[in-house]
Amino acid sequence: MITGHVFIATSLDGFIARTDDSLDWLMKHDGGGADTGYQAFIDSVDGIVMGRTSFQTVLGFGGAWPYPVPVVVMSRSLASSDIPEALRDRVEVSAAAPADLMAGLDGRGWRRVYVDGGQVIRAFLEARLITDMVVTVAPVLIGAGKPLFGGLARDIDLDLVAVRSIPPGFVQVSYRVK
């Protein structure tokens, strides 16, 4: 059975990006090369489902494409032709609802899906498609931005799995969704 998993960073005040989508606050707190568990996590998934904004942010980093697994970009406004030609064999666009998308990915043999991007994570939580979440809190307050969990229509109960400190000042919290 296919499962959705979150691995994301926030500022201490709960934002995943500034209002202009900038991640400069996170990049300046890069952790000094400490092992956050990201590589083990990415090695454990069959692919990534992310939103259009997350996709465009990653494209803006320049350099080599950072993901070794297939990526599905959830968007009603992005077309397949908007994907850079060099990425079209690794990135696809879908306007499907979360449950329909996951059913399709399950049919393709995916078992573990990395769900990324605030709106996408909230939509997958609402659809009860997230199994667990790892949230790394950066040691910074940015005051305003795009919230990770704002606007949920219902309570989502969680079981604490682990808490750990990552130098220089990050706190990583792992939860299982009830």
C-alpha atoms as a PDB file:
ATOM      1  CA  MET A   1       0.000   0.000   0.000  1.00  0.00           C
ATOM      2  CA  ILE A   2       1.276   3.462  -0.888  1.00  0.00           C
ATOM      3  CA  THR A   3       2.110   5.894   1.934  1.00  0.00           C
ATOM      4  CA  GLY A   4       2.920   9.617   2.079  1.00  0.00           C
ATOM      5  CA  HIS A   5       5.812  11.009   4.129  1.00  0.00           C
ATOM      6  CA  VAL A   6       6.894  14.564   4.953  1.00  0.00           C
ATOM      7  CA  PHE A   7      10.458  15.794   5.537  1.00  0.00           C
ATOM      8  CA  ILE A   8      10.586  19.581   5.796  1.00  0.00           C
ATOM      9  CA  ALA A   9      12.190  22.524   7.604  1.00  0.00           C
ATOM     10  CA  THR A  10      10.462  25.501   9.198  1.00  0.00           C
ATOM     11  CA  SER A  11      11.502  28.621  11.004  1.00  0.00           C
ATOM     12  CA  LEU A  12      10.785  28.571  14.748  1.00  0.00           C
ATOM     13  CA  ASP A  13       7.661  30.636  14.049  1.00  0.00           C
ATOM     14  CA  GLY A  14       6.358  27.961  11.659  1.00  0.00           C
ATOM     15  CA  PHE A  15       7.116  29.332   8.194  1.00  0.00           C
ATOM     16  CA  ILE A  16       8.519  27.233   5.345  1.00  0.00           C
ATOM     17  CA  ALA A  17       9.341  30.230   3.141  1.00  0.00           C
ATOM     18  CA  ARG A  18       9.159  33.987   3.154  1.00  0.00           C
ATOM     19  CA  THR A  19       6.117  35.611   1.512  1.00  0.00           C
ATOM     20  CA  ASP A  20       8.199  35.932  -1.692  1.00  0.00           C
ATOM     21  CA  ASP A  21       9.069  32.181  -1.508  1.00  0.00           C
ATOM     22  CA  SER A  22      12.662  32.909  -0.490  1.00  0.00           C
ATOM     23  CA  LEU A  23      14.514  30.344   1.608  1.00  0.00           C
ATOM     24  CA  ASP A  24      17.448  32.629   2.426  1.00  0.00           C
ATOM     25  CA  TRP A  25      16.747  32.270   6.153  1.00  0.00           C
ATOM     26  CA  LEU A  26      17.205  28.504   5.882  1.00  0.00           C
ATOM     27  CA  MET A  27      20.252  28.633   3.637  1.00  0.00           C
ATOM     28  CA  LYS A  28      22.157  30.796   6.121  1.00  0.00           C
ATOM     29  CA  HIS A  29      21.415  28.174   8.802  1.00  0.00           C
ATOM     30  CA  ASP A  30      22.655  25.219   6.772  1.00  0.00           C
ATOM     31  CA  GLY A  31      23.504  23.070   9.768  1.00  0.00           C
ATOM     32  CA  GLY A  32      27.235  23.038   9.113  1.00  0.00           C
ATOM     33  CA  GLY A  33      27.041  19.720   7.318  1.00  0.00           C
ATOM     34  CA  ALA A  34      25.342  17.895  10.210  1.00  0.00           C
ATOM     35  CA  ASP A  35      23.446  14.741   9.280  1.00  0.00           C
ATOM     36  CA  THR A  36      19.761  15.651   9.281  1.00  0.00           C
ATOM     37  CA  GLY A  37      18.697  12.252   7.992  1.00  0.00           C
ATOM     38  CA  TYR A  38      17.669  13.712   4.641  1.00  0.00           C
ATOM     39  CA  GLN A  39      19.824  11.388   2.527  1.00  0.00           C
ATOM     40  CA  ALA A  40      18.506   8.281   4.261  1.00  0.00           C
ATOM     41  CA  PHE A  41      14.982   9.651   3.834  1.00  0.00           C
ATOM     42  CA  ILE A  42      15.360  10.406   0.112  1.00  0.00           C
ATOM     43  CA  ASP A  43      16.909   6.970  -0.392  1.00  0.00           C
ATOM     44  CA  SER A  44      13.764   5.434   1.147  1.00  0.00           C
ATOM     45  CA  VAL A  45      11.195   6.960  -1.239  1.00  0.00           C
ATOM     46  CA  ASP A  46      10.057   5.967  -4.716  1.00  0.00           C
ATOM     47  CA  GLY A  47       9.311   9.525  -5.761  1.00  0.00           C
ATOM     48  CA  ILE A  48       8.305  13.031  -4.764  1.00  0.00           C
ATOM     49  CA  VAL A  49       5.008  14.888  -5.037  1.00  0.00           C
ATOM     50  CA  MET A  50       5.436  18.652  -4.709  1.00  0.00           C
ATOM     51  CA  GLY A  51       3.566  21.815  -5.511  1.00  0.00           C
ATOM     52  CA  ARG A  52       4.281  24.262  -8.318  1.00  0.00           C
ATOM     53  CA  THR A  53       5.841  26.840  -6.001  1.00  0.00           C
ATOM     54  CA  SER A  54       8.232  24.295  -4.494  1.00  0.00           C
ATOM     55  CA  PHE A  55       9.163  23.097  -7.972  1.00  0.00           C
ATOM     56  CA  GLN A  56       9.856  26.626  -9.213  1.00  0.00           C
ATOM     57  CA  THR A  57      11.882  27.377  -6.075  1.00  0.00           C
ATOM     58  CA  VAL A  58      14.069  24.307  -6.657  1.00  0.00           C
ATOM     59  CA  LEU A  59      14.534  25.302 -10.312  1.00  0.00           C
ATOM     60  CA  GLY A  60      15.670  28.730  -9.106  1.00  0.00           C
ATOM     61  CA  PHE A  61      18.550  27.195  -7.159  1.00  0.00           C
ATOM     62  CA  GLY A  62      20.347  26.519 -10.455  1.00  0.00           C
ATOM     63  CA  GLY A  63      22.878  23.758 -10.834  1.00  0.00           C
ATOM     64  CA  ALA A  64      22.123  20.088 -11.201  1.00  0.00           C
ATOM     65  CA  TRP A  65      18.635  18.746 -10.521  1.00  0.00           C
ATOM     66  CA  PRO A  66      18.829  17.602  -6.871  1.00  0.00           C
ATOM     67  CA  TYR A  67      16.400  14.675  -6.889  1.00  0.00           C
ATOM     68  CA  PRO A  68      17.449  11.119  -7.819  1.00  0.00           C
ATOM     69  CA  VAL A  69      13.822   9.916  -7.936  1.00  0.00           C
ATOM     70  CA  PRO A  70      10.836  10.832 -10.158  1.00  0.00           C
ATOM     71  CA  VAL A  71       8.941  14.020  -9.303  1.00  0.00           C
ATOM     72  CA  VAL A  72       5.257  14.807  -9.799  1.00  0.00           C
ATOM     73  CA  VAL A  73       4.364  18.505  -9.641  1.00  0.00           C
ATOM     74  CA  MET A  74       0.781  19.111  -8.533  1.00  0.00           C
ATOM     75  CA  SER A  75      -0.547  22.102 -10.403  1.00  0.00           C
ATOM     76  CA  ARG A  76      -3.620  23.282 -12.241  1.00  0.00           C
ATOM     77  CA  SER A  77      -1.706  26.112 -13.915  1.00  0.00           C
ATOM     78  CA  LEU A  78       1.576  24.475 -14.941  1.00  0.00           C
ATOM     79  CA  ALA A  79       1.655  22.541 -18.216  1.00  0.00           C
ATOM     80  CA  SER A  80       3.978  19.686 -19.134  1.00  0.00           C
ATOM     81  CA  SER A  81       5.522  22.025 -21.703  1.00  0.00           C
ATOM     82  CA  ASP A  82       6.545  24.334 -18.815  1.00  0.00           C
ATOM     83  CA  ILE A  83       8.930  21.661 -17.516  1.00  0.00           C
ATOM     84  CA  PRO A  84      12.474  22.274 -18.783  1.00  0.00           C
ATOM     85  CA  GLU A  85      13.225  19.817 -21.565  1.00  0.00           C
ATOM     86  CA  ALA A  86      16.206  18.354 -19.678  1.00  0.00           C
ATOM     87  CA  LEU A  87      13.849  17.307 -16.834  1.00  0.00           C
ATOM     88  CA  ARG A  88      10.897  15.917 -18.794  1.00  0.00           C
ATOM     89  CA  ASP A  89      12.028  12.320 -18.317  1.00  0.00           C
ATOM     90  CA  ARG A  90      12.096  12.849 -14.513  1.00  0.00           C
ATOM     91  CA  VAL A  91       9.341  15.397 -13.823  1.00  0.00           C
ATOM     92  CA  GLU A  92       5.647  15.282 -14.710  1.00  0.00           C
ATOM     93  CA  VAL A  93       2.696  17.564 -13.963  1.00  0.00           C
ATOM     94  CA  SER A  94      -0.612  16.410 -12.477  1.00  0.00           C
ATOM     95  CA  ALA A  95      -3.846  18.234 -11.707  1.00  0.00           C
ATOM     96  CA  ALA A  96      -5.326  15.156  -9.983  1.00  0.00           C
ATOM     97  CA  ALA A  97      -6.719  15.310  -6.472  1.00  0.00           C
ATOM     98  CA  PRO A  98      -4.357  13.841  -3.849  1.00  0.00           C
ATOM     99  CA  ALA A  99      -6.253  10.539  -3.450  1.00  0.00           C
ATOM    100  CA  ASP A 100      -6.501  10.043  -7.212  1.00  0.00           C
ATOM    101  CA  LEU A 101      -2.830  10.887  -7.682  1.00  0.00           C
ATOM    102  CA  MET A 102      -1.768   8.442  -4.973  1.00  0.00           C
ATOM    103  CA  ALA A 103      -3.972   5.704  -6.480  1.00  0.00           C
ATOM    104  CA  GLY A 104      -2.281   6.258  -9.835  1.00  0.00           C
ATOM    105  CA  LEU A 105       1.191   6.181  -8.308  1.00  0.00           C
ATOM    106  CA  ASP A 106       0.276   3.022  -6.395  1.00  0.00           C
ATOM    107  CA  GLY A 107      -0.715   1.465  -9.719  1.00  0.00           C
ATOM    108  CA  ARG A 108       2.737   2.350 -11.042  1.00  0.00           C
ATOM    109  CA  GLY A 109       4.423   0.516  -8.160  1.00  0.00           C
ATOM    110  CA  TRP A 110       5.268   3.445  -5.903  1.00  0.00           C
ATOM    111  CA  ARG A 111       5.151   2.572  -2.196  1.00  0.00           C
ATOM    112  CA  ARG A 112       6.710   5.538  -0.334  1.00  0.00           C
ATOM    113  CA  VAL A 113       6.044   9.088  -1.513  1.00  0.00           C
ATOM    114  CA  TYR A 114       7.872  12.201  -0.292  1.00  0.00           C
ATOM    115  CA  VAL A 115       5.185  14.904  -0.050  1.00  0.00           C
ATOM    116  CA  ASP A 116       6.633  18.424  -0.192  1.00  0.00           C
ATOM    117  CA  GLY A 117       5.297  21.980  -0.197  1.00  0.00           C
ATOM    118  CA  GLY A 118       2.946  23.632   2.282  1.00  0.00           C
ATOM    119  CA  GLN A 119      -0.289  23.526   0.279  1.00  0.00           C
ATOM    120  CA  VAL A 120       0.380  19.994  -0.948  1.00  0.00           C
ATOM    121  CA  ILE A 121       1.212  18.746   2.547  1.00  0.00           C
ATOM    122  CA  ARG A 122      -1.996  20.298   3.926  1.00  0.00           C
ATOM    123  CA  ALA A 123      -4.074  18.761   1.105  1.00  0.00           C
ATOM    124  CA  PHE A 124      -2.538  15.324   1.720  1.00  0.00           C
ATOM    125  CA  LEU A 125      -3.111  15.648   5.483  1.00  0.00           C
ATOM    126  CA  GLU A 126      -6.749  16.591   4.881  1.00  0.00           C
ATOM    127  CA  ALA A 127      -7.102  13.531   2.612  1.00  0.00           C
ATOM    128  CA  ARG A 128      -5.510  11.315   5.309  1.00  0.00           C
ATOM    129  CA  LEU A 129      -2.616  10.377   3.011  1.00  0.00           C
ATOM    130  CA  ILE A 130       0.325  11.253   5.277  1.00  0.00           C
ATOM    131  CA  THR A 131       1.774   8.497   7.458  1.00  0.00           C
ATOM    132  CA  ASP A 132       4.531  10.420   9.210  1.00  0.00           C
ATOM    133  CA  MET A 133       6.319  13.740   9.311  1.00  0.00           C
ATOM    134  CA  VAL A 134       9.833  14.868  10.120  1.00  0.00           C
ATOM    135  CA  VAL A 135       9.898  18.611  10.801  1.00  0.00           C
ATOM    136  CA  THR A 136      13.254  20.289  11.355  1.00  0.00           C
ATOM    137  CA  VAL A 137      12.971  23.647  13.119  1.00  0.00           C
ATOM    138  CA  ALA A 138      15.658  26.186  12.228  1.00  0.00           C
ATOM    139  CA  PRO A 139      16.954  28.561  14.910  1.00  0.00           C
ATOM    140  CA  VAL A 140      15.448  31.686  13.381  1.00  0.00           C
ATOM    141  CA  LEU A 141      12.283  33.784  13.615  1.00  0.00           C
ATOM    142  CA  ILE A 142      11.346  35.351  10.276  1.00  0.00           C
ATOM    143  CA  GLY A 143       8.144  37.098  11.402  1.00  0.00           C
ATOM    144  CA  ALA A 144       6.050  36.435   8.301  1.00  0.00           C
ATOM    145  CA  GLY A 145       5.899  33.988   5.474  1.00  0.00           C
ATOM    146  CA  LYS A 146       4.180  30.885   4.196  1.00  0.00           C
ATOM    147  CA  PRO A 147       3.018  28.686   7.061  1.00  0.00           C
ATOM    148  CA  LEU A 148       3.456  24.947   7.036  1.00  0.00           C
ATOM    149  CA  PHE A 149       0.196  24.088   8.780  1.00  0.00           C
ATOM    150  CA  GLY A 150      -2.055  27.134   8.580  1.00  0.00           C
ATOM    151  CA  GLY A 151      -5.643  26.668   7.495  1.00  0.00           C
ATOM    152  CA  LEU A 152      -6.367  23.031   8.330  1.00  0.00           C
ATOM    153  CA  ALA A 153     -10.079  22.212   8.336  1.00  0.00           C
ATOM    154  CA  ARG A 154      -9.796  19.698  11.172  1.00  0.00           C
ATOM    155  CA  ASP A 155      -7.525  18.649  13.997  1.00  0.00           C
ATOM    156  CA  ILE A 156      -4.858  16.145  13.022  1.00  0.00           C
ATOM    157  CA  ASP A 157      -3.636  14.118  15.972  1.00  0.00           C
ATOM    158  CA  LEU A 158      -0.027  12.994  16.051  1.00  0.00           C
ATOM    159  CA  ASP A 159       2.096  10.550  18.027  1.00  0.00           C
ATOM    160  CA  LEU A 160       5.581  11.750  18.920  1.00  0.00           C
ATOM    161  CA  VAL A 161       8.220   9.348  17.593  1.00  0.00           C
ATOM    162  CA  ALA A 162      11.476  11.217  18.270  1.00  0.00           C
ATOM    163  CA  VAL A 163      13.052  14.558  19.071  1.00  0.00           C
ATOM    164  CA  ARG A 164      16.684  15.336  18.443  1.00  0.00           C
ATOM    165  CA  SER A 165      19.021  18.284  18.458  1.00  0.00           C
ATOM    166  CA  ILE A 166      21.111  18.948  15.368  1.00  0.00           C
ATOM    167  CA  PRO A 167      24.003  21.413  15.594  1.00  0.00           C
ATOM    168  CA  PRO A 168      24.070  24.397  15.352  1.00  0.00           C
ATOM    169  CA  GLY A 169      20.690  24.816  17.010  1.00  0.00           C
ATOM    170  CA  PHE A 170      18.166  22.878  14.928  1.00  0.00           C
ATOM    171  CA  VAL A 171      15.509  20.715  16.560  1.00  0.00           C
ATOM    172  CA  GLN A 172      14.101  17.809  14.564  1.00  0.00           C
ATOM    173  CA  VAL A 173      10.738  16.364  15.569  1.00  0.00           C
ATOM    174  CA  SER A 174       9.307  13.164  14.100  1.00  0.00           C
ATOM    175  CA  TYR A 175       5.609  12.351  14.326  1.00  0.00           C
ATOM    176  CA  ARG A 176       3.370   9.523  13.203  1.00  0.00           C
ATOM    177  CA  VAL A 177      -0.060  10.676  12.048  1.00  0.00           C
ATOM    178  CA  LYS A 178      -2.823   8.926  14.021  1.00  0.00           C
END
